[in-house]
Structure formats: structure tokens, C-alpha cells
Amino acid sequence: MNTRLRLIFPIAALAAISGCNSTPLTTTKQPMALDFALKRARFEMSCPEATGSVLSSETIQPPNVGPRFQGPQRAQFTIGVAGCGKRETMVVICADGSDGCFAAEGR
């Protein structure tokens, strides 16, 4: 019985610790995505006072490149930016485990 507890306890502890970090990727990356979109839009619009808001967000599953490699999960945001009489939509993608994002013009 004692041996069984020694095997079960580490597994149960690992499961408990893993469950504590369940913040959605879109929640953790949203401030960074908004910052990247605003920096790009303010430059392109020549409008330092432009403001932005997240219009939508979703988690994108990583591409399955093969049996041994799978890319990181990514969060995709559509961000609306307005200022100086102009409006623009940006699509921002942030990868899990990354310190940066990619901001591109929307459609």
C-alpha cells in the first residue's frame, strides 16, 4: 500500500499544479496584442493619439507539421484603431511562449 501511495502522490500533485495555470491564452496575450497594434497603427496613420479596442479574439490550434513537431498555440486578435479622423483594423497574432506579436493590416 505504501508503494502505491508513493506512485500516486506525485501524479496527483502534478495534476493539481497543472490545473492552477488555466488562464486562456487570449487573456494573457491581449495587452501585448493591443500594444503591438497601436504602435503599428499610430505610425502608419501618423496619429500618436489613436486608440484601440479588441473587436474579437480566438485561440488558434498549432499546425501539425509531423509526428514529432507541433508548433505553439497562438492567439489571434482583431483590433480596431481610430484617431485623427481615420479608422483601421489590425489582425495580431501572438504565439504562446513568445515575447512578441505580429501585427498586420486587416481586410
PDB file of N, CA and C in Angstrom:
ATOM      1  N   MET A   1       0.827  -1.197   0.000  1.00  0.00           N
ATOM      2  CA  MET A   1       0.000   0.000   0.000  1.00  0.00           C
ATOM      3  C   MET A   1       0.870   1.259   0.000  1.00  0.00           C
ATOM      4  N   ASN A   2       1.940   1.248   0.773  1.00  0.00           N
ATOM      5  CA  ASN A   2       2.825   2.399   0.865  1.00  0.00           C
ATOM      6  C   ASN A   2       3.474   2.700  -0.481  1.00  0.00           C
ATOM      7  N   THR A   3       3.837   1.677  -1.242  1.00  0.00           N
ATOM      8  CA  THR A   3       4.436   1.858  -2.563  1.00  0.00           C
ATOM      9  C   THR A   3       3.432   2.479  -3.521  1.00  0.00           C
ATOM     10  N   ARG A   4       2.203   2.074  -3.414  1.00  0.00           N
ATOM     11  CA  ARG A   4       1.154   2.622  -4.276  1.00  0.00           C
ATOM     12  C   ARG A   4       0.970   4.122  -4.021  1.00  0.00           C
ATOM     13  N   LEU A   5       0.996   4.539  -2.764  1.00  0.00           N
ATOM     14  CA  LEU A   5       0.869   5.958  -2.428  1.00  0.00           C
ATOM     15  C   LEU A   5       2.046   6.759  -2.978  1.00  0.00           C
ATOM     16  N   ARG A   6       3.233   6.185  -2.954  1.00  0.00           N
ATOM     17  CA  ARG A   6       4.409   6.875  -3.482  1.00  0.00           C
ATOM     18  C   ARG A   6       4.289   7.117  -4.985  1.00  0.00           C
ATOM     19  N   LEU A   7       3.595   6.256  -5.678  1.00  0.00           N
ATOM     20  CA  LEU A   7       3.392   6.428  -7.113  1.00  0.00           C
ATOM     21  C   LEU A   7       2.259   7.407  -7.416  1.00  0.00           C
ATOM     22  N   ILE A   8       1.194   7.335  -6.639  1.00  0.00           N
ATOM     23  CA  ILE A   8       0.020   8.156  -6.893  1.00  0.00           C
ATOM     24  C   ILE A   8       0.224   9.607  -6.474  1.00  0.00           C
ATOM     25  N   PHE A   9       0.910   9.849  -5.365  1.00  0.00           N
ATOM     26  CA  PHE A   9       1.063  11.209  -4.852  1.00  0.00           C
ATOM     27  C   PHE A   9       1.738  12.156  -5.851  1.00  0.00           C
ATOM     28  N   PRO A  10       2.881  11.796  -6.466  1.00  0.00           N
ATOM     29  CA  PRO A  10       3.493  12.725  -7.439  1.00  0.00           C
ATOM     30  C   PRO A  10       2.589  13.015  -8.635  1.00  0.00           C
ATOM     31  N   ILE A  11       1.853  12.016  -9.090  1.00  0.00           N
ATOM     32  CA  ILE A  11       0.954  12.210 -10.227  1.00  0.00           C
ATOM     33  C   ILE A  11      -0.182  13.154  -9.845  1.00  0.00           C
ATOM     34  N   ALA A  12      -0.741  12.964  -8.657  1.00  0.00           N
ATOM     35  CA  ALA A  12      -1.827  13.832  -8.184  1.00  0.00           C
ATOM     36  C   ALA A  12      -1.325  15.260  -7.984  1.00  0.00           C
ATOM     37  N   ALA A  13      -0.116  15.417  -7.454  1.00  0.00           N
ATOM     38  CA  ALA A  13       0.448  16.755  -7.243  1.00  0.00           C
ATOM     39  C   ALA A  13       0.671  17.463  -8.574  1.00  0.00           C
ATOM     40  N   LEU A  14       1.179  16.743  -9.540  1.00  0.00           N
ATOM     41  CA  LEU A  14       1.404  17.336 -10.863  1.00  0.00           C
ATOM     42  C   LEU A  14       0.093  17.757 -11.501  1.00  0.00           C
ATOM     43  N   ALA A  15      -0.929  16.947 -11.376  1.00  0.00           N
ATOM     44  CA  ALA A  15      -2.241  17.286 -11.933  1.00  0.00           C
ATOM     45  C   ALA A  15      -2.815  18.525 -11.251  1.00  0.00           C
ATOM     46  N   ALA A  16      -2.633  18.644  -9.959  1.00  0.00           N
ATOM     47  CA  ALA A  16      -3.151  19.806  -9.222  1.00  0.00           C
ATOM     48  C   ALA A  16      -2.427  21.079  -9.642  1.00  0.00           C
ATOM     49  N   ILE A  17      -1.115  20.989  -9.795  1.00  0.00           N
ATOM     50  CA  ILE A  17      -0.337  22.167 -10.197  1.00  0.00           C
ATOM     51  C   ILE A  17      -0.699  22.583 -11.615  1.00  0.00           C
ATOM     52  N   SER A  18      -0.854  21.626 -12.510  1.00  0.00           N
ATOM     53  CA  SER A  18      -1.206  21.927 -13.901  1.00  0.00           C
ATOM     54  C   SER A  18      -2.562  22.605 -13.995  1.00  0.00           C
ATOM     55  N   GLY A  19      -3.497  22.225 -13.158  1.00  0.00           N
ATOM     56  CA  GLY A  19      -4.827  22.807 -13.184  1.00  0.00           C
ATOM     57  C   GLY A  19      -4.864  24.250 -12.732  1.00  0.00           C
ATOM     58  N   CYS A  20      -3.869  24.694 -11.992  1.00  0.00           N
ATOM     59  CA  CYS A  20      -3.842  26.070 -11.488  1.00  0.00           C
ATOM     60  C   CYS A  20      -3.536  27.077 -12.586  1.00  0.00           C
ATOM     61  N   ASN A  21      -2.850  26.671 -13.627  1.00  0.00           N
ATOM     62  CA  ASN A  21      -2.453  27.592 -14.686  1.00  0.00           C
ATOM     63  C   ASN A  21      -3.381  27.424 -15.879  1.00  0.00           C
ATOM     64  N   SER A  22      -4.653  27.800 -15.694  1.00  0.00           N
ATOM     65  CA  SER A  22      -5.625  27.599 -16.760  1.00  0.00           C
ATOM     66  C   SER A  22      -6.133  28.914 -17.342  1.00  0.00           C
ATOM     67  N   THR A  23      -5.333  29.982 -17.264  1.00  0.00           N
ATOM     68  CA  THR A  23      -5.717  31.256 -17.850  1.00  0.00           C
ATOM     69  C   THR A  23      -5.662  31.131 -19.369  1.00  0.00           C
ATOM     70  N   PRO A  24      -6.737  31.487 -20.070  1.00  0.00           N
ATOM     71  CA  PRO A  24      -6.741  31.379 -21.534  1.00  0.00           C
ATOM     72  C   PRO A  24      -5.634  32.228 -22.173  1.00  0.00           C
ATOM     73  N   LEU A  25      -5.078  31.721 -23.250  1.00  0.00           N
ATOM     74  CA  LEU A  25      -4.008  32.413 -23.964  1.00  0.00           C
ATOM     75  C   LEU A  25      -4.469  33.791 -24.442  1.00  0.00           C
ATOM     76  N   THR A  26      -5.726  33.894 -24.859  1.00  0.00           N
ATOM     77  CA  THR A  26      -6.232  35.188 -25.331  1.00  0.00           C
ATOM     78  C   THR A  26      -6.248  36.219 -24.205  1.00  0.00           C
ATOM     79  N   THR A  27      -6.439  35.785 -22.982  1.00  0.00           N
ATOM     80  CA  THR A  27      -6.437  36.705 -21.841  1.00  0.00           C
ATOM     81  C   THR A  27      -5.021  37.177 -21.529  1.00  0.00           C
ATOM     82  N   THR A  28      -4.056  36.270 -21.537  1.00  0.00           N
ATOM     83  CA  THR A  28      -2.691  36.649 -21.186  1.00  0.00           C
ATOM     84  C   THR A  28      -2.010  37.476 -22.270  1.00  0.00           C
ATOM     85  N   LYS A  29      -2.354  37.257 -23.518  1.00  0.00           N
ATOM     86  CA  LYS A  29      -1.693  37.957 -24.632  1.00  0.00           C
ATOM     87  C   LYS A  29      -2.417  39.224 -25.077  1.00  0.00           C
ATOM     88  N   GLN A  30      -3.620  39.474 -24.600  1.00  0.00           N
ATOM     89  CA  GLN A  30      -4.391  40.625 -25.075  1.00  0.00           C
ATOM     90  C   GLN A  30      -3.687  41.966 -24.869  1.00  0.00           C
ATOM     91  N   PRO A  31      -3.111  42.270 -23.692  1.00  0.00           N
ATOM     92  CA  PRO A  31      -2.432  43.567 -23.543  1.00  0.00           C
ATOM     93  C   PRO A  31      -1.278  43.743 -24.532  1.00  0.00           C
ATOM     94  N   MET A  32      -0.505  42.679 -24.765  1.00  0.00           N
ATOM     95  CA  MET A  32       0.613  42.750 -25.698  1.00  0.00           C
ATOM     96  C   MET A  32       0.110  42.951 -27.126  1.00  0.00           C
ATOM     97  N   ALA A  33      -0.959  42.252 -27.495  1.00  0.00           N
ATOM     98  CA  ALA A  33      -1.518  42.379 -28.838  1.00  0.00           C
ATOM     99  C   ALA A  33      -2.023  43.797 -29.090  1.00  0.00           C
ATOM    100  N   LEU A  34      -2.700  44.367 -28.118  1.00  0.00           N
ATOM    101  CA  LEU A  34      -3.208  45.732 -28.250  1.00  0.00           C
ATOM    102  C   LEU A  34      -2.060  46.721 -28.396  1.00  0.00           C
ATOM    103  N   ASP A  35      -0.996  46.524 -27.622  1.00  0.00           N
ATOM    104  CA  ASP A  35       0.175  47.400 -27.694  1.00  0.00           C
ATOM    105  C   ASP A  35       0.833  47.328 -29.072  1.00  0.00           C
ATOM    106  N   PHE A  36       1.015  46.118 -29.602  1.00  0.00           N
ATOM    107  CA  PHE A  36       1.629  45.968 -30.927  1.00  0.00           C
ATOM    108  C   PHE A  36       0.768  46.613 -32.009  1.00  0.00           C
ATOM    109  N   ALA A  37      -0.539  46.416 -31.944  1.00  0.00           N
ATOM    110  CA  ALA A  37      -1.442  47.003 -32.941  1.00  0.00           C
ATOM    111  C   ALA A  37      -1.401  48.522 -32.883  1.00  0.00           C
ATOM    112  N   LEU A  38      -1.440  49.070 -31.675  1.00  0.00           N
ATOM    113  CA  LEU A  38      -1.422  50.535 -31.533  1.00  0.00           C
ATOM    114  C   LEU A  38      -0.125  51.139 -32.041  1.00  0.00           C
ATOM    115  N   LYS A  39       0.999  50.526 -31.735  1.00  0.00           N
ATOM    116  CA  LYS A  39       2.287  51.054 -32.214  1.00  0.00           C
ATOM    117  C   LYS A  39       2.324  51.104 -33.732  1.00  0.00           C
ATOM    118  N   ARG A  40       1.900  50.021 -34.366  1.00  0.00           N
ATOM    119  CA  ARG A  40       1.926  49.990 -35.828  1.00  0.00           C
ATOM    120  C   ARG A  40       0.924  50.979 -36.425  1.00  0.00           C
ATOM    121  N   ALA A  41      -0.290  50.987 -35.906  1.00  0.00           N
ATOM    122  CA  ALA A  41      -1.328  51.869 -36.457  1.00  0.00           C
ATOM    123  C   ALA A  41      -0.986  53.335 -36.242  1.00  0.00           C
ATOM    124  N   ARG A  42      -0.486  53.688 -35.076  1.00  0.00           N
ATOM    125  CA  ARG A  42      -0.116  55.086 -34.820  1.00  0.00           C
ATOM    126  C   ARG A  42       0.951  55.552 -35.798  1.00  0.00           C
ATOM    127  N   PHE A  43       1.903  54.681 -36.105  1.00  0.00           N
ATOM    128  CA  PHE A  43       2.942  55.028 -37.069  1.00  0.00           C
ATOM    129  C   PHE A  43       2.358  55.167 -38.472  1.00  0.00           C
ATOM    130  N   GLU A  44       1.603  54.162 -38.907  1.00  0.00           N
ATOM    131  CA  GLU A  44       1.062  54.172 -40.267  1.00  0.00           C
ATOM    132  C   GLU A  44       0.038  55.280 -40.483  1.00  0.00           C
ATOM    133  N   MET A  45      -0.719  55.608 -39.444  1.00  0.00           N
ATOM    134  CA  MET A  45      -1.748  56.643 -39.557  1.00  0.00           C
ATOM    135  C   MET A  45      -1.195  58.033 -39.262  1.00  0.00           C
ATOM    136  N   SER A  46       0.051  58.111 -38.818  1.00  0.00           N
ATOM    137  CA  SER A  46       0.659  59.382 -38.371  1.00  0.00           C
ATOM    138  C   SER A  46      -0.242  60.044 -37.339  1.00  0.00           C
ATOM    139  N   CYS A  47      -0.664  59.233 -36.363  1.00  0.00           N
ATOM    140  CA  CYS A  47      -1.618  59.711 -35.363  1.00  0.00           C
ATOM    141  C   CYS A  47      -1.244  59.151 -33.985  1.00  0.00           C
ATOM    142  N   PRO A  48      -0.379  59.862 -33.241  1.00  0.00           N
ATOM    143  CA  PRO A  48       0.070  59.360 -31.942  1.00  0.00           C
ATOM    144  C   PRO A  48      -1.045  59.227 -30.899  1.00  0.00           C
ATOM    145  N   GLU A  49      -2.173  59.917 -31.109  1.00  0.00           N
ATOM    146  CA  GLU A  49      -3.255  59.838 -30.118  1.00  0.00           C
ATOM    147  C   GLU A  49      -4.319  58.793 -30.458  1.00  0.00           C
ATOM    148  N   ALA A  50      -4.057  57.959 -31.464  1.00  0.00           N
ATOM    149  CA  ALA A  50      -5.017  56.907 -31.836  1.00  0.00           C
ATOM    150  C   ALA A  50      -5.231  55.948 -30.667  1.00  0.00           C
ATOM    151  N   THR A  51      -6.451  55.443 -30.562  1.00  0.00           N
ATOM    152  CA  THR A  51      -6.796  54.488 -29.512  1.00  0.00           C
ATOM    153  C   THR A  51      -7.306  53.207 -30.165  1.00  0.00           C
ATOM    154  N   GLY A  52      -7.259  52.121 -29.402  1.00  0.00           N
ATOM    155  CA  GLY A  52      -7.669  50.843 -29.966  1.00  0.00           C
ATOM    156  C   GLY A  52      -8.525  50.042 -29.016  1.00  0.00           C
ATOM    157  N   SER A  53      -9.242  49.096 -29.582  1.00  0.00           N
ATOM    158  CA  SER A  53     -10.042  48.178 -28.779  1.00  0.00           C
ATOM    159  C   SER A  53     -10.075  46.817 -29.474  1.00  0.00           C
ATOM    160  N   VAL A  54     -10.135  45.777 -28.661  1.00  0.00           N
ATOM    161  CA  VAL A  54     -10.175  44.425 -29.192  1.00  0.00           C
ATOM    162  C   VAL A  54     -11.597  44.139 -29.678  1.00  0.00           C
ATOM    163  N   LEU A  55     -11.725  43.812 -30.956  1.00  0.00           N
ATOM    164  CA  LEU A  55     -13.027  43.514 -31.541  1.00  0.00           C
ATOM    165  C   LEU A  55     -13.362  42.028 -31.412  1.00  0.00           C
ATOM    166  N   SER A  56     -12.346  41.166 -31.528  1.00  0.00           N
ATOM    167  CA  SER A  56     -12.557  39.737 -31.357  1.00  0.00           C
ATOM    168  C   SER A  56     -11.225  39.073 -31.035  1.00  0.00           C
ATOM    169  N   SER A  57     -11.315  37.884 -30.444  1.00  0.00           N
ATOM    170  CA  SER A  57     -10.108  37.108 -30.153  1.00  0.00           C
ATOM    171  C   SER A  57     -10.452  35.630 -30.180  1.00  0.00           C
ATOM    172  N   GLU A  58      -9.457  34.824 -30.540  1.00  0.00           N
ATOM    173  CA  GLU A  58      -9.642  33.385 -30.553  1.00  0.00           C
ATOM    174  C   GLU A  58      -8.287  32.705 -30.429  1.00  0.00           C
ATOM    175  N   THR A  59      -8.299  31.486 -29.921  1.00  0.00           N
ATOM    176  CA  THR A  59      -7.092  30.682 -29.832  1.00  0.00           C
ATOM    177  C   THR A  59      -7.021  29.811 -31.072  1.00  0.00           C
ATOM    178  N   ILE A  60      -5.865  29.827 -31.717  1.00  0.00           N
ATOM    179  CA  ILE A  60      -5.650  29.056 -32.941  1.00  0.00           C
ATOM    180  C   ILE A  60      -4.805  27.837 -32.577  1.00  0.00           C
ATOM    181  N   GLN A  61      -5.270  26.681 -32.984  1.00  0.00           N
ATOM    182  CA  GLN A  61      -4.513  25.462 -32.726  1.00  0.00           C
ATOM    183  C   GLN A  61      -3.251  25.457 -33.577  1.00  0.00           C
ATOM    184  N   PRO A  62      -2.169  24.901 -33.047  1.00  0.00           N
ATOM    185  CA  PRO A  62      -0.911  24.891 -33.801  1.00  0.00           C
ATOM    186  C   PRO A  62      -0.984  23.970 -35.010  1.00  0.00           C
ATOM    187  N   PRO A  63      -0.207  24.282 -36.042  1.00  0.00           N
ATOM    188  CA  PRO A  63      -0.178  23.395 -37.200  1.00  0.00           C
ATOM    189  C   PRO A  63       0.512  22.083 -36.835  1.00  0.00           C
ATOM    190  N   ASN A  64       0.015  20.998 -37.349  1.00  0.00           N
ATOM    191  CA  ASN A  64       0.622  19.696 -37.111  1.00  0.00           C
ATOM    192  C   ASN A  64       1.548  19.409 -38.276  1.00  0.00           C
ATOM    193  N   VAL A  65       2.837  19.623 -38.068  1.00  0.00           N
ATOM    194  CA  VAL A  65       3.818  19.515 -39.136  1.00  0.00           C
ATOM    195  C   VAL A  65       4.327  18.084 -39.311  1.00  0.00           C
ATOM    196  N   GLY A  66       4.159  17.280 -38.328  1.00  0.00           N
ATOM    197  CA  GLY A  66       4.618  15.902 -38.414  1.00  0.00           C
ATOM    198  C   GLY A  66       4.437  15.213 -37.079  1.00  0.00           C
ATOM    199  N   PRO A  67       4.838  13.957 -37.011  1.00  0.00           N
ATOM    200  CA  PRO A  67       4.628  13.210 -35.768  1.00  0.00           C
ATOM    201  C   PRO A  67       5.491  13.695 -34.605  1.00  0.00           C
ATOM    202  N   ARG A  68       6.567  14.402 -34.890  1.00  0.00           N
ATOM    203  CA  ARG A  68       7.474  14.823 -33.815  1.00  0.00           C
ATOM    204  C   ARG A  68       7.460  16.316 -33.533  1.00  0.00           C
ATOM    205  N   PHE A  69       6.805  17.085 -34.358  1.00  0.00           N
ATOM    206  CA  PHE A  69       6.823  18.538 -34.159  1.00  0.00           C
ATOM    207  C   PHE A  69       5.418  19.096 -34.239  1.00  0.00           C
ATOM    208  N   GLN A  70       5.119  19.922 -33.293  1.00  0.00           N
ATOM    209  CA  GLN A  70       3.858  20.656 -33.309  1.00  0.00           C
ATOM    210  C   GLN A  70       4.170  22.062 -32.831  1.00  0.00           C
ATOM    211  N   GLY A  71       3.776  23.057 -33.597  1.00  0.00           N
ATOM    212  CA  GLY A  71       4.061  24.439 -33.240  1.00  0.00           C
ATOM    213  C   GLY A  71       3.298  24.876 -32.008  1.00  0.00           C
ATOM    214  N   PRO A  72       3.610  26.077 -31.502  1.00  0.00           N
ATOM    215  CA  PRO A  72       2.935  26.574 -30.304  1.00  0.00           C
ATOM    216  C   PRO A  72       1.506  27.035 -30.606  1.00  0.00           C
ATOM    217  N   GLN A  73       0.682  27.035 -29.585  1.00  0.00           N
ATOM    218  CA  GLN A  73      -0.656  27.610 -29.720  1.00  0.00           C
ATOM    219  C   GLN A  73      -0.502  29.098 -29.971  1.00  0.00           C
ATOM    220  N   ARG A  74      -1.464  29.684 -30.674  1.00  0.00           N
ATOM    221  CA  ARG A  74      -1.409  31.114 -30.967  1.00  0.00           C
ATOM    222  C   ARG A  74      -2.745  31.754 -30.641  1.00  0.00           C
ATOM    223  N   ALA A  75      -2.677  33.008 -30.247  1.00  0.00           N
ATOM    224  CA  ALA A  75      -3.885  33.796 -30.017  1.00  0.00           C
ATOM    225  C   ALA A  75      -3.989  34.808 -31.152  1.00  0.00           C
ATOM    226  N   GLN A  76      -5.175  34.895 -31.760  1.00  0.00           N
ATOM    227  CA  GLN A  76      -5.402  35.853 -32.853  1.00  0.00           C
ATOM    228  C   GLN A  76      -6.415  36.886 -32.395  1.00  0.00           C
ATOM    229  N   PHE A  77      -6.081  38.141 -32.619  1.00  0.00           N
ATOM    230  CA  PHE A  77      -6.930  39.255 -32.211  1.00  0.00           C
ATOM    231  C   PHE A  77      -7.260  40.123 -33.421  1.00  0.00           C
ATOM    232  N   THR A  78      -8.469  40.609 -33.489  1.00  0.00           N
ATOM    233  CA  THR A  78      -8.835  41.658 -34.438  1.00  0.00           C
ATOM    234  C   THR A  78      -9.010  42.916 -33.606  1.00  0.00           C
ATOM    235  N   ILE A  79      -8.221  43.935 -33.937  1.00  0.00           N
ATOM    236  CA  ILE A  79      -8.194  45.157 -33.134  1.00  0.00           C
ATOM    237  C   ILE A  79      -8.551  46.347 -34.011  1.00  0.00           C
ATOM    238  N   GLY A  80      -9.509  47.124 -33.556  1.00  0.00           N
ATOM    239  CA  GLY A  80      -9.906  48.343 -34.247  1.00  0.00           C
ATOM    240  C   GLY A  80      -9.159  49.527 -33.658  1.00  0.00           C
ATOM    241  N   VAL A  81      -8.611  50.366 -34.526  1.00  0.00           N
ATOM    242  CA  VAL A  81      -7.867  51.557 -34.102  1.00  0.00           C
ATOM    243  C   VAL A  81      -8.490  52.773 -34.773  1.00  0.00           C
ATOM    244  N   ALA A  82      -8.698  53.828 -33.990  1.00  0.00           N
ATOM    245  CA  ALA A  82      -9.290  55.050 -34.534  1.00  0.00           C
ATOM    246  C   ALA A  82      -8.574  56.261 -33.965  1.00  0.00           C
ATOM    247  N   GLY A  83      -8.470  57.306 -34.810  1.00  0.00           N
ATOM    248  CA  GLY A  83      -7.870  58.561 -34.382  1.00  0.00           C
ATOM    249  C   GLY A  83      -7.564  59.443 -35.569  1.00  0.00           C
ATOM    250  N   CYS A  84      -7.534  60.747 -35.334  1.00  0.00           N
ATOM    251  CA  CYS A  84      -7.216  61.729 -36.372  1.00  0.00           C
ATOM    252  C   CYS A  84      -8.130  61.582 -37.588  1.00  0.00           C
ATOM    253  N   GLY A  85      -9.391  61.241 -37.368  1.00  0.00           N
ATOM    254  CA  GLY A  85     -10.353  61.112 -38.447  1.00  0.00           C
ATOM    255  C   GLY A  85     -10.170  59.853 -39.288  1.00  0.00           C
ATOM    256  N   LYS A  86      -9.367  58.903 -38.815  1.00  0.00           N
ATOM    257  CA  LYS A  86      -9.117  57.678 -39.570  1.00  0.00           C
ATOM    258  C   LYS A  86      -9.497  56.470 -38.710  1.00  0.00           C
ATOM    259  N   ARG A  87      -9.811  55.366 -39.397  1.00  0.00           N
ATOM    260  CA  ARG A  87     -10.098  54.095 -38.714  1.00  0.00           C
ATOM    261  C   ARG A  87      -9.379  52.984 -39.451  1.00  0.00           C
ATOM    262  N   GLU A  88      -8.873  52.029 -38.688  1.00  0.00           N
ATOM    263  CA  GLU A  88      -8.135  50.928 -39.274  1.00  0.00           C
ATOM    264  C   GLU A  88      -8.384  49.662 -38.459  1.00  0.00           C
ATOM    265  N   THR A  89      -8.312  48.540 -39.103  1.00  0.00           N
ATOM    266  CA  THR A  89      -8.433  47.254 -38.422  1.00  0.00           C
ATOM    267  C   THR A  89      -7.113  46.523 -38.549  1.00  0.00           C
ATOM    268  N   MET A  90      -6.659  45.961 -37.436  1.00  0.00           N
ATOM    269  CA  MET A  90      -5.410  45.212 -37.413  1.00  0.00           C
ATOM    270  C   MET A  90      -5.699  43.781 -36.973  1.00  0.00           C
ATOM    271  N   VAL A  91      -4.978  42.831 -37.561  1.00  0.00           N
ATOM    272  CA  VAL A  91      -5.023  41.446 -37.111  1.00  0.00           C
ATOM    273  C   VAL A  91      -3.674  41.173 -36.451  1.00  0.00           C
ATOM    274  N   VAL A  92      -3.711  40.724 -35.205  1.00  0.00           N
ATOM    275  CA  VAL A  92      -2.497  40.492 -34.434  1.00  0.00           C
ATOM    276  C   VAL A  92      -2.461  39.036 -33.997  1.00  0.00           C
ATOM    277  N   ILE A  93      -1.304  38.411 -34.181  1.00  0.00           N
ATOM    278  CA  ILE A  93      -1.120  37.020 -33.767  1.00  0.00           C
ATOM    279  C   ILE A  93       0.041  36.953 -32.787  1.00  0.00           C
ATOM    280  N   CYS A  94      -0.212  36.327 -31.636  1.00  0.00           N
ATOM    281  CA  CYS A  94       0.797  36.157 -30.597  1.00  0.00           C
ATOM    282  C   CYS A  94       0.937  34.670 -30.294  1.00  0.00           C
ATOM    283  N   ALA A  95       2.168  34.170 -30.286  1.00  0.00           N
ATOM    284  CA  ALA A  95       2.412  32.749 -30.014  1.00  0.00           C
ATOM    285  C   ALA A  95       2.643  32.527 -28.529  1.00  0.00           C
ATOM    286  N   ASP A  96       2.183  31.406 -28.043  1.00  0.00           N
ATOM    287  CA  ASP A  96       2.407  31.019 -26.656  1.00  0.00           C
ATOM    288  C   ASP A  96       3.901  30.837 -26.428  1.00  0.00           C
ATOM    289  N   GLY A  97       4.417  31.377 -25.342  1.00  0.00           N
ATOM    290  CA  GLY A  97       5.835  31.266 -25.025  1.00  0.00           C
ATOM    291  C   GLY A  97       6.691  32.311 -25.707  1.00  0.00           C
ATOM    292  N   SER A  98       6.083  33.243 -26.407  1.00  0.00           N
ATOM    293  CA  SER A  98       6.813  34.288 -27.129  1.00  0.00           C
ATOM    294  C   SER A  98       6.660  35.622 -26.422  1.00  0.00           C
ATOM    295  N   ASP A  99       7.664  36.496 -26.596  1.00  0.00           N
ATOM    296  CA  ASP A  99       7.600  37.837 -26.013  1.00  0.00           C
ATOM    297  C   ASP A  99       7.163  38.879 -27.029  1.00  0.00           C
ATOM    298  N   GLY A 100       6.662  38.461 -28.164  1.00  0.00           N
ATOM    299  CA  GLY A 100       6.264  39.403 -29.194  1.00  0.00           C
ATOM    300  C   GLY A 100       5.037  38.921 -29.948  1.00  0.00           C
ATOM    301  N   CYS A 101       4.561  39.801 -30.819  1.00  0.00           N
ATOM    302  CA  CYS A 101       3.399  39.503 -31.646  1.00  0.00           C
ATOM    303  C   CYS A 101       3.664  39.995 -33.058  1.00  0.00           C
ATOM    304  N   PHE A 102       2.802  39.605 -33.973  1.00  0.00           N
ATOM    305  CA  PHE A 102       2.860  40.070 -35.350  1.00  0.00           C
ATOM    306  C   PHE A 102       1.574  40.804 -35.644  1.00  0.00           C
ATOM    307  N   ALA A 103       1.683  42.059 -36.044  1.00  0.00           N
ATOM    308  CA  ALA A 103       0.519  42.878 -36.357  1.00  0.00           C
ATOM    309  C   ALA A 103       0.487  43.153 -37.861  1.00  0.00           C
ATOM    310  N   ALA A 104      -0.653  42.854 -38.495  1.00  0.00           N
ATOM    311  CA  ALA A 104      -0.824  43.089 -39.921  1.00  0.00           C
ATOM    312  C   ALA A 104      -2.126  43.845 -40.140  1.00  0.00           C
ATOM    313  N   GLU A 105      -2.233  44.494 -41.285  1.00  0.00           N
ATOM    314  CA  GLU A 105      -3.471  45.198 -41.602  1.00  0.00           C
ATOM    315  C   GLU A 105      -4.591  44.194 -41.772  1.00  0.00           C
ATOM    316  N   GLY A 106      -5.769  44.601 -41.339  1.00  0.00           N
ATOM    317  CA  GLY A 106      -6.950  43.764 -41.547  1.00  0.00           C
ATOM    318  C   GLY A 106      -7.434  43.895 -42.970  1.00  0.00           C
ATOM    319  N   ARG A 107      -8.524  43.265 -43.253  1.00  0.00           N
ATOM    320  CA  ARG A 107      -9.075  43.328 -44.616  1.00  0.00           C
ATOM    321  C   ARG A 107      -9.814  44.590 -44.854  1.00  0.00           C
TER     322      ARG A 107
END
